[in-house]
PDB file of N, CA and C in Angstrom:
ATOM      1  N   MET A   1     147.086-195.766  45.877  1.00  0.00           N
ATOM      2  CA  MET A   1     146.617-194.395  45.923  1.00  0.00           C
ATOM      3  C   MET A   1     145.183-194.388  46.464  1.00  0.00           C
ATOM      4  N   LYS A   2     144.931-193.508  47.425  1.00  0.00           N
ATOM      5  CA  LYS A   2     143.587-193.385  47.989  1.00  0.00           C
ATOM      6  C   LYS A   2     142.913-192.161  47.399  1.00  0.00           C
ATOM      7  N   LEU A   3     141.727-192.376  46.829  1.00  0.00           N
ATOM      8  CA  LEU A   3     140.960-191.273  46.265  1.00  0.00           C
ATOM      9  C   LEU A   3     140.245-190.504  47.365  1.00  0.00           C
ATOM     10  N   GLY A   4     139.927-189.247  47.083  1.00  0.00           N
ATOM     11  CA  GLY A   4     139.178-188.421  48.019  1.00  0.00           C
ATOM     12  C   GLY A   4     137.710-188.818  48.049  1.00  0.00           C
ATOM     13  N   THR A   5     136.953-188.125  48.850  1.00  0.00           N
ATOM     14  CA  THR A   5     135.526-188.374  49.035  1.00  0.00           C
ATOM     15  C   THR A   5     134.741-187.108  48.728  1.00  0.00           C
ATOM     16  N   ILE A   6     133.606-187.275  48.062  1.00  0.00           N
ATOM     17  CA  ILE A   6     132.707-186.141  47.801  1.00  0.00           C
ATOM     18  C   ILE A   6     131.564-186.180  48.804  1.00  0.00           C
ATOM     19  N   TYR A   7     131.270-185.032  49.401  1.00  0.00           N
ATOM     20  CA  TYR A   7     130.104-184.867  50.265  1.00  0.00           C
ATOM     21  C   TYR A   7     129.202-183.836  49.599  1.00  0.00           C
ATOM     22  N   GLY A   8     127.945-184.140  49.450  1.00  0.00           N
ATOM     23  CA  GLY A   8     126.980-183.172  48.945  1.00  0.00           C
ATOM     24  C   GLY A   8     126.323-182.478  50.128  1.00  0.00           C
ATOM     25  N   VAL A   9     126.446-181.171  50.189  1.00  0.00           N
ATOM     26  CA  VAL A   9     125.927-180.409  51.326  1.00  0.00           C
ATOM     27  C   VAL A   9     125.017-179.304  50.820  1.00  0.00           C
ATOM     28  N   GLY A  10     123.806-179.258  51.322  1.00  0.00           N
ATOM     29  CA  GLY A  10     122.901-178.168  51.012  1.00  0.00           C
ATOM     30  C   GLY A  10     123.064-177.059  52.039  1.00  0.00           C
ATOM     31  N   VAL A  11     122.786-175.835  51.616  1.00  0.00           N
ATOM     32  CA  VAL A  11     122.950-174.710  52.538  1.00  0.00           C
ATOM     33  C   VAL A  11     121.610-174.198  53.069  1.00  0.00           C
ATOM     34  N   GLY A  12     120.563-174.968  52.884  1.00  0.00           N
ATOM     35  CA  GLY A  12     119.276-174.604  53.458  1.00  0.00           C
ATOM     36  C   GLY A  12     118.448-173.718  52.555  1.00  0.00           C
ATOM     37  N   PRO A  13     117.397-173.124  53.109  1.00  0.00           N
ATOM     38  CA  PRO A  13     116.444-172.365  52.300  1.00  0.00           C
ATOM     39  C   PRO A  13     116.874-170.949  51.928  1.00  0.00           C
ATOM     40  N   GLY A  14     118.052-170.517  52.371  1.00  0.00           N
ATOM     41  CA  GLY A  14     118.511-169.218  51.895  1.00  0.00           C
ATOM     42  C   GLY A  14     119.044-168.251  52.927  1.00  0.00           C
ATOM     43  N   ALA A  15     118.899-168.544  54.178  1.00  0.00           N
ATOM     44  CA  ALA A  15     119.397-167.639  55.219  1.00  0.00           C
ATOM     45  C   ALA A  15     120.557-168.311  55.963  1.00  0.00           C
ATOM     46  N   PRO A  16     121.630-167.578  56.239  1.00  0.00           N
ATOM     47  CA  PRO A  16     122.778-168.171  56.929  1.00  0.00           C
ATOM     48  C   PRO A  16     122.438-168.801  58.275  1.00  0.00           C
ATOM     49  N   ASP A  17     121.427-168.307  58.963  1.00  0.00           N
ATOM     50  CA  ASP A  17     121.084-168.877  60.262  1.00  0.00           C
ATOM     51  C   ASP A  17     120.213-170.126  60.165  1.00  0.00           C
ATOM     52  N   LEU A  18     119.908-170.572  58.940  1.00  0.00           N
ATOM     53  CA  LEU A  18     119.110-171.784  58.766  1.00  0.00           C
ATOM     54  C   LEU A  18     119.912-172.975  58.243  1.00  0.00           C
ATOM     55  N   ILE A  19     121.207-172.809  58.010  1.00  0.00           N
ATOM     56  CA  ILE A  19     122.053-173.927  57.591  1.00  0.00           C
ATOM     57  C   ILE A  19     122.215-174.872  58.783  1.00  0.00           C
ATOM     58  N   THR A  20     122.231-176.176  58.533  1.00  0.00           N
ATOM     59  CA  THR A  20     122.290-177.124  59.643  1.00  0.00           C
ATOM     60  C   THR A  20     123.680-177.189  60.255  1.00  0.00           C
ATOM     61  N   LEU A  21     123.723-177.606  61.502  1.00  0.00           N
ATOM     62  CA  LEU A  21     124.998-177.781  62.195  1.00  0.00           C
ATOM     63  C   LEU A  21     125.845-178.853  61.515  1.00  0.00           C
ATOM     64  N   ARG A  22     125.198-179.888  61.008  1.00  0.00           N
ATOM     65  CA  ARG A  22     125.929-180.942  60.314  1.00  0.00           C
ATOM     66  C   ARG A  22     126.574-180.401  59.045  1.00  0.00           C
ATOM     67  N   ALA A  23     125.853-179.585  58.289  1.00  0.00           N
ATOM     68  CA  ALA A  23     126.420-178.986  57.075  1.00  0.00           C
ATOM     69  C   ALA A  23     127.636-178.124  57.425  1.00  0.00           C
ATOM     70  N   ILE A  24     127.518-177.332  58.466  1.00  0.00           N
ATOM     71  CA  ILE A  24     128.648-176.495  58.897  1.00  0.00           C
ATOM     72  C   ILE A  24     129.845-177.365  59.265  1.00  0.00           C
ATOM     73  N   HIS A  25     129.595-178.435  60.014  1.00  0.00           N
ATOM     74  CA  HIS A  25     130.681-179.332  60.422  1.00  0.00           C
ATOM     75  C   HIS A  25     131.383-179.926  59.196  1.00  0.00           C
ATOM     76  N   VAL A  26     130.612-180.413  58.237  1.00  0.00           N
ATOM     77  CA  VAL A  26     131.209-180.998  57.035  1.00  0.00           C
ATOM     78  C   VAL A  26     132.016-179.945  56.281  1.00  0.00           C
ATOM     79  N   LEU A  27     131.439-178.782  56.074  1.00  0.00           N
ATOM     80  CA  LEU A  27     132.122-177.739  55.317  1.00  0.00           C
ATOM     81  C   LEU A  27     133.413-177.278  55.993  1.00  0.00           C
ATOM     82  N   ARG A  28     133.450-177.299  57.295  1.00  0.00           N
ATOM     83  CA  ARG A  28     134.665-176.877  58.012  1.00  0.00           C
ATOM     84  C   ARG A  28     135.712-177.988  58.069  1.00  0.00           C
ATOM     85  N   SER A  29     135.310-179.246  57.812  1.00  0.00           N
ATOM     86  CA  SER A  29     136.235-180.370  57.994  1.00  0.00           C
ATOM     87  C   SER A  29     136.891-180.865  56.703  1.00  0.00           C
ATOM     88  N   VAL A  30     136.479-180.369  55.549  1.00  0.00           N
ATOM     89  CA  VAL A  30     137.006-180.890  54.289  1.00  0.00           C
ATOM     90  C   VAL A  30     138.197-180.071  53.784  1.00  0.00           C
ATOM     91  N   ASP A  31     139.000-180.719  52.927  1.00  0.00           N
ATOM     92  CA  ASP A  31     140.172-180.056  52.337  1.00  0.00           C
ATOM     93  C   ASP A  31     139.791-179.042  51.265  1.00  0.00           C
ATOM     94  N   VAL A  32     138.709-179.331  50.550  1.00  0.00           N
ATOM     95  CA  VAL A  32     138.294-178.497  49.416  1.00  0.00           C
ATOM     96  C   VAL A  32     136.783-178.308  49.474  1.00  0.00           C
ATOM     97  N   ILE A  33     136.333-177.082  49.212  1.00  0.00           N
ATOM     98  CA  ILE A  33     134.905-176.833  49.021  1.00  0.00           C
ATOM     99  C   ILE A  33     134.723-176.412  47.569  1.00  0.00           C
ATOM    100  N   ALA A  34     133.886-177.150  46.857  1.00  0.00           N
ATOM    101  CA  ALA A  34     133.528-176.803  45.482  1.00  0.00           C
ATOM    102  C   ALA A  34     132.236-175.997  45.549  1.00  0.00           C
ATOM    103  N   ILE A  35     132.297-174.771  45.071  1.00  0.00           N
ATOM    104  CA  ILE A  35     131.208-173.819  45.255  1.00  0.00           C
ATOM    105  C   ILE A  35     130.589-173.465  43.909  1.00  0.00           C
ATOM    106  N   PRO A  36     129.281-173.698  43.753  1.00  0.00           N
ATOM    107  CA  PRO A  36     128.639-173.376  42.472  1.00  0.00           C
ATOM    108  C   PRO A  36     128.331-171.890  42.339  1.00  0.00           C
ATOM    109  N   ARG A  37     128.382-171.425  41.108  1.00  0.00           N
ATOM    110  CA  ARG A  37     127.909-170.078  40.788  1.00  0.00           C
ATOM    111  C   ARG A  37     127.373-170.103  39.358  1.00  0.00           C
ATOM    112  N   LYS A  38     126.479-169.172  39.046  1.00  0.00           N
ATOM    113  CA  LYS A  38     125.775-169.228  37.761  1.00  0.00           C
ATOM    114  C   LYS A  38     126.627-168.848  36.566  1.00  0.00           C
ATOM    115  N   ASP A  39     127.669-168.062  36.777  1.00  0.00           N
ATOM    116  CA  ASP A  39     128.587-167.739  35.696  1.00  0.00           C
ATOM    117  C   ASP A  39     129.936-167.364  36.285  1.00  0.00           C
ATOM    118  N   ARG A  40     130.903-167.165  35.444  1.00  0.00           N
ATOM    119  CA  ARG A  40     132.275-166.923  35.903  1.00  0.00           C
ATOM    120  C   ARG A  40     132.446-165.591  36.617  1.00  0.00           C
ATOM    121  N   PHE A  41     131.507-164.702  36.469  1.00  0.00           N
ATOM    122  CA  PHE A  41     131.671-163.336  36.981  1.00  0.00           C
ATOM    123  C   PHE A  41     130.797-163.021  38.187  1.00  0.00           C
ATOM    124  N   SER A  42     129.817-163.864  38.471  1.00  0.00           N
ATOM    125  CA  SER A  42     128.899-163.580  39.571  1.00  0.00           C
ATOM    126  C   SER A  42     129.400-164.189  40.874  1.00  0.00           C
ATOM    127  N   LYS A  43     128.874-163.675  41.962  1.00  0.00           N
ATOM    128  CA  LYS A  43     129.164-164.246  43.268  1.00  0.00           C
ATOM    129  C   LYS A  43     128.248-165.448  43.480  1.00  0.00           C
ATOM    130  N   SER A  44     128.671-166.354  44.294  1.00  0.00           N
ATOM    131  CA  SER A  44     127.909-167.567  44.569  1.00  0.00           C
ATOM    132  C   SER A  44     126.874-167.321  45.665  1.00  0.00           C
ATOM    133  N   THR A  45     125.633-167.613  45.368  1.00  0.00           N
ATOM    134  CA  THR A  45     124.572-167.522  46.380  1.00  0.00           C
ATOM    135  C   THR A  45     124.817-168.533  47.495  1.00  0.00           C
ATOM    136  N   ALA A  46     125.216-169.740  47.128  1.00  0.00           N
ATOM    137  CA  ALA A  46     125.479-170.777  48.133  1.00  0.00           C
ATOM    138  C   ALA A  46     126.588-170.344  49.092  1.00  0.00           C
ATOM    139  N   TRP A  47     127.652-169.731  48.549  1.00  0.00           N
ATOM    140  CA  TRP A  47     128.753-169.303  49.408  1.00  0.00           C
ATOM    141  C   TRP A  47     128.357-168.108  50.267  1.00  0.00           C
ATOM    142  N   ARG A  48     127.511-167.240  49.741  1.00  0.00           N
ATOM    143  CA  ARG A  48     127.008-166.109  50.542  1.00  0.00           C
ATOM    144  C   ARG A  48     126.273-166.630  51.774  1.00  0.00           C
ATOM    145  N   ILE A  49     125.558-167.732  51.619  1.00  0.00           N
ATOM    146  CA  ILE A  49     124.815-168.328  52.725  1.00  0.00           C
ATOM    147  C   ILE A  49     125.748-169.062  53.694  1.00  0.00           C
ATOM    148  N   ALA A  50     126.696-169.819  53.157  1.00  0.00           N
ATOM    149  CA  ALA A  50     127.547-170.670  53.992  1.00  0.00           C
ATOM    150  C   ALA A  50     128.696-169.924  54.666  1.00  0.00           C
ATOM    151  N   ARG A  51     129.247-168.930  53.999  1.00  0.00           N
ATOM    152  CA  ARG A  51     130.468-168.276  54.473  1.00  0.00           C
ATOM    153  C   ARG A  51     130.405-167.759  55.913  1.00  0.00           C
ATOM    154  N   PRO A  52     129.319-167.100  56.340  1.00  0.00           N
ATOM    155  CA  PRO A  52     129.307-166.603  57.730  1.00  0.00           C
ATOM    156  C   PRO A  52     129.470-167.714  58.769  1.00  0.00           C
ATOM    157  N   ASN A  53     129.042-168.919  58.434  1.00  0.00           N
ATOM    158  CA  ASN A  53     129.146-170.043  59.369  1.00  0.00           C
ATOM    159  C   ASN A  53     130.438-170.829  59.221  1.00  0.00           C
ATOM    160  N   VAL A  54     130.960-170.895  58.018  1.00  0.00           N
ATOM    161  CA  VAL A  54     132.171-171.682  57.767  1.00  0.00           C
ATOM    162  C   VAL A  54     133.414-170.882  58.117  1.00  0.00           C
ATOM    163  N   GLY A  55     133.428-169.609  57.742  1.00  0.00           N
ATOM    164  CA  GLY A  55     134.579-168.761  58.031  1.00  0.00           C
ATOM    165  C   GLY A  55     135.813-169.204  57.265  1.00  0.00           C
ATOM    166  N   ASP A  56     136.974-168.835  57.771  1.00  0.00           N
ATOM    167  CA  ASP A  56     138.245-169.209  57.162  1.00  0.00           C
ATOM    168  C   ASP A  56     138.776-170.453  57.858  1.00  0.00           C
ATOM    169  N   VAL A  57     139.103-171.464  57.065  1.00  0.00           N
ATOM    170  CA  VAL A  57     139.673-172.699  57.588  1.00  0.00           C
ATOM    171  C   VAL A  57     141.081-172.818  57.022  1.00  0.00           C
ATOM    172  N   GLU A  58     142.055-172.847  57.894  1.00  0.00           N
ATOM    173  CA  GLU A  58     143.452-172.879  57.463  1.00  0.00           C
ATOM    174  C   GLU A  58     143.719-174.078  56.562  1.00  0.00           C
ATOM    175  N   GLY A  59     144.322-173.802  55.398  1.00  0.00           N
ATOM    176  CA  GLY A  59     144.686-174.859  54.460  1.00  0.00           C
ATOM    177  C   GLY A  59     143.569-175.326  53.555  1.00  0.00           C
ATOM    178  N   GLN A  60     142.371-174.844  53.773  1.00  0.00           N
ATOM    179  CA  GLN A  60     141.238-175.286  52.959  1.00  0.00           C
ATOM    180  C   GLN A  60     141.236-174.545  51.619  1.00  0.00           C
ATOM    181  N   GLU A  61     140.997-175.300  50.554  1.00  0.00           N
ATOM    182  CA  GLU A  61     140.909-174.719  49.219  1.00  0.00           C
ATOM    183  C   GLU A  61     139.444-174.552  48.842  1.00  0.00           C
ATOM    184  N   ARG A  62     139.162-173.472  48.152  1.00  0.00           N
ATOM    185  CA  ARG A  62     137.805-173.236  47.651  1.00  0.00           C
ATOM    186  C   ARG A  62     137.882-173.032  46.153  1.00  0.00           C
ATOM    187  N   ILE A  63     137.100-173.827  45.427  1.00  0.00           N
ATOM    188  CA  ILE A  63     137.066-173.675  43.980  1.00  0.00           C
ATOM    189  C   ILE A  63     135.645-173.289  43.570  1.00  0.00           C
ATOM    190  N   PHE A  64     135.554-172.259  42.765  1.00  0.00           N
ATOM    191  CA  PHE A  64     134.262-171.781  42.293  1.00  0.00           C
ATOM    192  C   PHE A  64     133.997-172.383  40.922  1.00  0.00           C
ATOM    193  N   LEU A  65     132.896-173.115  40.823  1.00  0.00           N
ATOM    194  CA  LEU A  65     132.559-173.841  39.607  1.00  0.00           C
ATOM    195  C   LEU A  65     131.391-173.183  38.889  1.00  0.00           C
ATOM    196  N   HIS A  66     131.505-173.098  37.589  1.00  0.00           N
ATOM    197  CA  HIS A  66     130.514-172.448  36.742  1.00  0.00           C
ATOM    198  C   HIS A  66     129.429-173.455  36.355  1.00  0.00           C
ATOM    199  N   PHE A  67     128.184-173.178  36.756  1.00  0.00           N
ATOM    200  CA  PHE A  67     127.026-173.972  36.375  1.00  0.00           C
ATOM    201  C   PHE A  67     126.022-173.049  35.694  1.00  0.00           C
ATOM    202  N   PRO A  68     126.062-172.974  34.363  1.00  0.00           N
ATOM    203  CA  PRO A  68     125.203-172.042  33.633  1.00  0.00           C
ATOM    204  C   PRO A  68     123.716-172.313  33.871  1.00  0.00           C
ATOM    205  N   MET A  69     122.956-171.252  33.942  1.00  0.00           N
ATOM    206  CA  MET A  69     121.512-171.347  34.143  1.00  0.00           C
ATOM    207  C   MET A  69     120.809-171.393  32.782  1.00  0.00           C
ATOM    208  N   THR A  70     120.992-172.501  32.098  1.00  0.00           N
ATOM    209  CA  THR A  70     120.370-172.718  30.796  1.00  0.00           C
ATOM    210  C   THR A  70     120.179-174.210  30.595  1.00  0.00           C
ATOM    211  N   LYS A  71     119.321-174.559  29.656  1.00  0.00           N
ATOM    212  CA  LYS A  71     119.135-175.970  29.307  1.00  0.00           C
ATOM    213  C   LYS A  71     119.861-176.323  28.018  1.00  0.00           C
ATOM    214  N   ASP A  72     120.573-175.379  27.452  1.00  0.00           N
ATOM    215  CA  ASP A  72     121.275-175.584  26.191  1.00  0.00           C
ATOM    216  C   ASP A  72     122.502-176.471  26.421  1.00  0.00           C
ATOM    217  N   PRO A  73     122.483-177.711  25.903  1.00  0.00           N
ATOM    218  CA  PRO A  73     123.608-178.614  26.143  1.00  0.00           C
ATOM    219  C   PRO A  73     124.925-178.133  25.538  1.00  0.00           C
ATOM    220  N   ALA A  74     124.859-177.293  24.525  1.00  0.00           N
ATOM    221  CA  ALA A  74     126.089-176.743  23.949  1.00  0.00           C
ATOM    222  C   ALA A  74     126.796-175.832  24.947  1.00  0.00           C
ATOM    223  N   ILE A  75     126.049-175.302  25.896  1.00  0.00           N
ATOM    224  CA  ILE A  75     126.621-174.438  26.932  1.00  0.00           C
ATOM    225  C   ILE A  75     126.885-175.230  28.215  1.00  0.00           C
ATOM    226  N   THR A  76     125.934-176.070  28.607  1.00  0.00           N
ATOM    227  CA  THR A  76     126.063-176.768  29.891  1.00  0.00           C
ATOM    228  C   THR A  76     127.116-177.873  29.874  1.00  0.00           C
ATOM    229  N   LYS A  77     127.171-178.645  28.805  1.00  0.00           N
ATOM    230  CA  LYS A  77     128.103-179.782  28.792  1.00  0.00           C
ATOM    231  C   LYS A  77     129.564-179.368  28.969  1.00  0.00           C
ATOM    232  N   PRO A  78     130.056-178.359  28.243  1.00  0.00           N
ATOM    233  CA  PRO A  78     131.450-177.952  28.477  1.00  0.00           C
ATOM    234  C   PRO A  78     131.689-177.424  29.904  1.00  0.00           C
ATOM    235  N   ALA A  79     130.719-176.695  30.441  1.00  0.00           N
ATOM    236  CA  ALA A  79     130.871-176.157  31.800  1.00  0.00           C
ATOM    237  C   ALA A  79     130.883-177.292  32.818  1.00  0.00           C
ATOM    238  N   TRP A  80     129.999-178.266  32.654  1.00  0.00           N
ATOM    239  CA  TRP A  80     129.964-179.411  33.568  1.00  0.00           C
ATOM    240  C   TRP A  80     131.254-180.220  33.467  1.00  0.00           C
ATOM    241  N   ARG A  81     131.761-180.394  32.247  1.00  0.00           N
ATOM    242  CA  ARG A  81     133.005-181.142  32.049  1.00  0.00           C
ATOM    243  C   ARG A  81     134.160-180.437  32.773  1.00  0.00           C
ATOM    244  N   GLN A  82     134.226-179.133  32.643  1.00  0.00           N
ATOM    245  CA  GLN A  82     135.281-178.377  33.302  1.00  0.00           C
ATOM    246  C   GLN A  82     135.168-178.502  34.828  1.00  0.00           C
ATOM    247  N   ALA A  83     133.941-178.420  35.339  1.00  0.00           N
ATOM    248  CA  ALA A  83     133.732-178.568  36.789  1.00  0.00           C
ATOM    249  C   ALA A  83     134.150-179.965  37.246  1.00  0.00           C
ATOM    250  N   MET A  84     133.762-180.984  36.479  1.00  0.00           N
ATOM    251  CA  MET A  84     134.124-182.355  36.851  1.00  0.00           C
ATOM    252  C   MET A  84     135.639-182.561  36.800  1.00  0.00           C
ATOM    253  N   ASP A  85     136.301-181.948  35.826  1.00  0.00           N
ATOM    254  CA  ASP A  85     137.762-182.050  35.751  1.00  0.00           C
ATOM    255  C   ASP A  85     138.407-181.442  36.989  1.00  0.00           C
ATOM    256  N   GLN A  86     137.917-180.275  37.408  1.00  0.00           N
ATOM    257  CA  GLN A  86     138.493-179.618  38.589  1.00  0.00           C
ATOM    258  C   GLN A  86     138.276-180.449  39.849  1.00  0.00           C
ATOM    259  N   VAL A  87     137.070-180.984  40.004  1.00  0.00           N
ATOM    260  CA  VAL A  87     136.771-181.818  41.173  1.00  0.00           C
ATOM    261  C   VAL A  87     137.565-183.120  41.087  1.00  0.00           C
ATOM    262  N   GLY A  88     137.616-183.709  39.901  1.00  0.00           N
ATOM    263  CA  GLY A  88     138.346-184.970  39.718  1.00  0.00           C
ATOM    264  C   GLY A  88     139.812-184.869  40.070  1.00  0.00           C
ATOM    265  N   GLN A  89     140.446-183.751  39.735  1.00  0.00           N
ATOM    266  CA  GLN A  89     141.850-183.553  40.076  1.00  0.00           C
ATOM    267  C   GLN A  89     142.050-183.594  41.589  1.00  0.00           C
ATOM    268  N   ARG A  90     141.149-182.988  42.309  1.00  0.00           N
ATOM    269  CA  ARG A  90     141.275-182.975  43.780  1.00  0.00           C
ATOM    270  C   ARG A  90     141.012-184.362  44.355  1.00  0.00           C
ATOM    271  N   LEU A  91     140.027-185.075  43.799  1.00  0.00           N
ATOM    272  CA  LEU A  91     139.741-186.428  44.274  1.00  0.00           C
ATOM    273  C   LEU A  91     140.928-187.363  44.032  1.00  0.00           C
ATOM    274  N   GLU A  92     141.539-187.236  42.850  1.00  0.00           N
ATOM    275  CA  GLU A  92     142.702-188.064  42.554  1.00  0.00           C
ATOM    276  C   GLU A  92     143.874-187.751  43.481  1.00  0.00           C
ATOM    277  N   ALA A  93     143.924-186.535  43.978  1.00  0.00           N
ATOM    278  CA  ALA A  93     144.971-186.135  44.932  1.00  0.00           C
ATOM    279  C   ALA A  93     144.646-186.571  46.371  1.00  0.00           C
ATOM    280  N   GLY A  94     143.509-187.244  46.544  1.00  0.00           N
ATOM    281  CA  GLY A  94     143.136-187.723  47.872  1.00  0.00           C
ATOM    282  C   GLY A  94     142.400-186.735  48.721  1.00  0.00           C
ATOM    283  N   LYS A  95     141.952-185.646  48.100  1.00  0.00           N
ATOM    284  CA  LYS A  95     141.227-184.604  48.851  1.00  0.00           C
ATOM    285  C   LYS A  95     139.742-184.821  48.746  1.00  0.00           C
TER     286      LYS A  95
END
């Protein structure tokens, strides 16, 4: 079984026209994009920046992961565990 690969991609300082060409290429070439957001109900700032450049990629999955904006480990640890489980499932599937 071949595991998937994780790429860490930054979206730049905040404007869609400042994301690098390399970041766009990586984001358009992967099977899954894991997208952070501050809570389960808010929109992702990172995706707002990346989306105009990435667009729709046929067959690509996007998962929105909850990363709470707090230092309270009682809140962050379960959220991080859930995010890691979601990413881990895709990696084990070779994505």
